[in-house]
């Protein structure tokens, strides 16, 4: 008895993408094999290493633990969707500047997991960063450079949010001023 393929449509990195997949295909394989997004790495296939971490509807998820059909109609962000070569995401920039990688194999998953951490806790302590990394394995480093990179990214992201908040507040003040006679 043949397994009938199912159409899966996702918005990944801002673009709607579709493919016919076997119902048992893991999301990590859908991303890599069907969509050609090879930045999401396969490290263990047992959900231990975190190299396959992506964002699913804004939450960090190990894509080897989810079937592609479960992601149907979801919004996905992979490492390819973080930034561009000319405008790196603060996490990417911080990993570059703080030497938060060595071989680089775990780096995409680490960055995605740490973005998830910063969404939940924008100003984590070193201990909280290390706790947040418990689901991610780096076989090359002692993690200190990764922790430093995450701390720097948190600072950059907080400064950007403060600037955005100031701009919004200023525009609201301007808006209020135009309504007064």
Protein backbone atom coordinates (compact mmCIF):
# COMPACT_ATOMS: atom_id res chain seq x y z
CA UNK A 1 0.00 0.00 0.00
CA UNK A 2 1.53 3.27 -1.16
CA UNK A 3 1.61 6.26 1.14
CA UNK A 4 -0.16 9.20 -0.44
CA UNK A 5 1.81 12.43 -0.53
CA UNK A 6 0.34 15.58 0.97
CA UNK A 7 0.82 19.15 -0.14
CA UNK A 8 2.52 21.29 2.50
CA UNK A 9 2.48 25.06 2.17
CA UNK A 10 4.51 27.24 4.51
CA UNK A 11 5.71 30.79 4.61
CA UNK A 12 9.43 30.43 5.05
CA UNK A 13 11.67 33.46 5.41
CA UNK A 14 8.81 35.63 4.14
CA UNK A 15 8.06 33.61 1.01
CA UNK A 16 5.22 31.16 0.51
CA UNK A 17 6.57 27.76 -0.54
CA UNK A 18 4.81 24.48 -1.31
CA UNK A 19 5.80 20.91 -2.01
CA UNK A 20 4.23 17.45 -2.07
CA UNK A 21 5.69 15.34 0.75
CA UNK A 22 5.27 11.97 2.37
CA UNK A 23 3.31 12.37 5.62
CA UNK A 24 6.22 10.90 7.58
CA UNK A 25 8.85 13.35 6.26
CA UNK A 26 10.56 15.36 8.96
CA UNK A 27 10.47 19.15 8.72
CA UNK A 28 14.27 19.30 8.62
CA UNK A 29 14.30 17.11 5.49
CA UNK A 30 11.48 19.13 3.88
CA UNK A 31 13.51 22.32 4.40
CA UNK A 32 16.75 20.84 3.12
CA UNK A 33 15.61 18.45 0.41
CA UNK A 34 12.42 20.00 -0.95
CA UNK A 35 13.04 23.70 -0.37
CA UNK A 36 16.84 23.74 -0.71
CA UNK A 37 17.38 25.55 2.62
CA UNK A 38 20.52 23.76 3.74
CA UNK A 39 21.44 26.15 6.55
CA UNK A 40 19.30 24.01 8.83
CA UNK A 41 21.68 21.20 9.75
CA UNK A 42 21.09 17.59 10.69
CA UNK A 43 23.36 16.66 13.55
CA UNK A 44 21.83 13.70 15.32
CA UNK A 45 18.23 12.91 14.21
CA UNK A 46 17.42 12.34 17.89
CA UNK A 47 16.62 15.92 18.98
CA UNK A 48 19.70 16.07 21.19
CA UNK A 49 22.03 18.47 19.39
CA UNK A 50 19.83 21.40 18.30
CA UNK A 51 21.65 21.92 14.98
CA UNK A 52 18.26 21.81 13.24
CA UNK A 53 16.61 24.55 15.33
CA UNK A 54 14.41 26.99 13.41
CA UNK A 55 11.57 29.34 14.32
CA UNK A 56 8.02 28.02 13.82
CA UNK A 57 5.39 30.70 14.31
CA UNK A 58 7.91 32.66 16.35
CA UNK A 59 9.01 29.83 18.65
CA UNK A 60 12.33 27.96 18.53
CA UNK A 61 11.69 24.35 17.45
CA UNK A 62 14.02 21.48 16.64
CA UNK A 63 12.91 20.68 13.11
CA UNK A 64 13.91 17.02 13.46
CA UNK A 65 11.11 16.63 16.03
CA UNK A 66 8.33 17.85 13.77
CA UNK A 67 6.79 16.39 10.65
CA UNK A 68 6.54 18.63 7.61
CA UNK A 69 2.76 18.10 7.51
CA UNK A 70 2.55 19.48 11.06
CA UNK A 71 4.10 22.73 9.79
CA UNK A 72 1.48 23.19 7.05
CA UNK A 73 0.26 26.81 6.99
CA UNK A 74 2.96 27.86 9.50
CA UNK A 75 5.43 30.71 9.34
CA UNK A 76 9.01 29.44 9.45
CA UNK A 77 12.28 31.30 9.81
CA UNK A 78 15.54 29.55 9.08
CA UNK A 79 19.05 30.93 9.42
CA UNK A 80 18.85 31.99 5.77
CA UNK A 81 16.03 34.38 6.71
CA UNK A 82 17.85 36.23 9.49
CA UNK A 83 19.82 38.79 7.52
CA UNK A 84 21.75 39.47 4.37
CA UNK A 85 25.46 39.70 3.71
CA UNK A 86 25.08 43.50 3.66
CA UNK A 87 22.80 43.69 6.72
CA UNK A 88 23.43 40.91 9.22
CA UNK A 89 20.95 40.18 11.98
CA UNK A 90 22.37 41.32 15.37
CA UNK A 91 22.86 37.67 16.36
CA UNK A 92 24.85 36.96 13.20
CA UNK A 93 26.90 40.13 13.63
CA UNK A 94 27.61 39.31 17.26
CA UNK A 95 28.70 35.75 16.45
CA UNK A 96 31.07 37.22 13.85
CA UNK A 97 32.50 39.89 16.14
CA UNK A 98 32.73 37.75 19.29
CA UNK A 99 34.06 34.64 17.51
CA UNK A 100 31.03 32.62 18.61
CA UNK A 101 31.76 29.81 16.19
CA UNK A 102 34.55 27.47 15.30
CA UNK A 103 33.65 24.81 12.76
CA UNK A 104 30.23 26.44 12.27
CA UNK A 105 28.17 23.27 12.06
CA UNK A 106 26.04 24.01 15.11
CA UNK A 107 25.98 27.78 14.57
CA UNK A 108 22.69 28.09 12.64
CA UNK A 109 20.82 26.09 15.28
CA UNK A 110 22.53 27.89 18.15
CA UNK A 111 21.67 31.29 16.68
CA UNK A 112 18.02 30.33 16.15
CA UNK A 113 17.74 28.88 19.67
CA UNK A 114 19.30 32.01 21.16
CA UNK A 115 16.97 34.29 19.19
CA UNK A 116 14.14 32.28 20.73
CA UNK A 117 15.69 32.83 24.17
CA UNK A 118 16.00 36.59 23.59
CA UNK A 119 12.37 36.79 22.50
CA UNK A 120 11.37 35.31 25.86
CA UNK A 121 14.04 37.08 27.91
CA UNK A 122 15.57 40.14 26.19
CA UNK A 123 18.20 40.63 28.91
CA UNK A 124 19.36 37.21 30.09
CA UNK A 125 22.17 36.67 32.57
CA UNK A 126 25.13 34.50 31.64
CA UNK A 127 23.55 31.68 33.64
CA UNK A 128 20.22 32.06 31.80
CA UNK A 129 22.02 31.97 28.44
CA UNK A 130 23.82 28.80 29.46
CA UNK A 131 20.51 27.27 30.61
CA UNK A 132 18.93 28.29 27.29
CA UNK A 133 21.70 26.44 25.48
CA UNK A 134 20.97 23.15 27.21
CA UNK A 135 19.23 21.83 24.10
CA UNK A 136 22.12 22.75 21.80
CA UNK A 137 25.45 20.97 21.56
CA UNK A 138 28.64 22.55 20.27
CA UNK A 139 31.45 20.04 20.06
CA UNK A 140 34.19 22.62 19.40
CA UNK A 141 33.92 25.38 21.99
CA UNK A 142 33.68 25.82 25.72
CA UNK A 143 30.62 27.97 24.99
CA UNK A 144 32.12 31.18 26.44
CA UNK A 145 32.42 32.90 23.05
CA UNK A 146 28.85 31.86 22.25
CA UNK A 147 27.65 33.33 25.55
CA UNK A 148 29.56 36.55 24.80
CA UNK A 149 27.98 36.72 21.35
CA UNK A 150 24.48 36.26 22.78
CA UNK A 151 25.10 38.95 25.40
CA UNK A 152 26.26 41.35 22.69
CA UNK A 153 23.28 40.51 20.46
CA UNK A 154 20.93 41.13 23.40
CA UNK A 155 22.48 44.56 23.93
CA UNK A 156 22.27 45.48 20.23
CA UNK A 157 18.66 44.27 20.00
CA UNK A 158 17.70 46.19 23.18
CA UNK A 159 19.28 49.38 21.82
CA UNK A 160 17.43 48.94 18.52
CA UNK A 161 14.14 48.35 20.35
CA UNK A 162 14.73 51.48 22.45
CA UNK A 163 15.38 53.54 19.30
CA UNK A 164 12.25 52.10 17.69
CA UNK A 165 10.30 52.91 20.86
CA UNK A 166 11.61 56.48 20.85
CA UNK A 167 10.64 56.85 17.18
CA UNK A 168 7.14 55.52 17.86
CA UNK A 169 6.76 57.80 20.89
CA UNK A 170 7.95 60.79 18.87
CA UNK A 171 5.57 60.00 16.03
CA UNK A 172 2.73 59.66 18.53
CA UNK A 173 3.60 63.06 19.98
CA UNK A 174 3.66 64.56 16.51
CA UNK A 175 0.34 62.86 15.82
CA UNK A 176 -1.12 64.27 19.03
CA UNK A 177 0.13 67.72 18.12
CA UNK A 178 -1.64 67.66 14.76
CA UNK A 179 -4.96 66.87 16.40
CA UNK A 180 -4.80 69.86 18.69
CA UNK A 181 -5.85 73.16 17.29
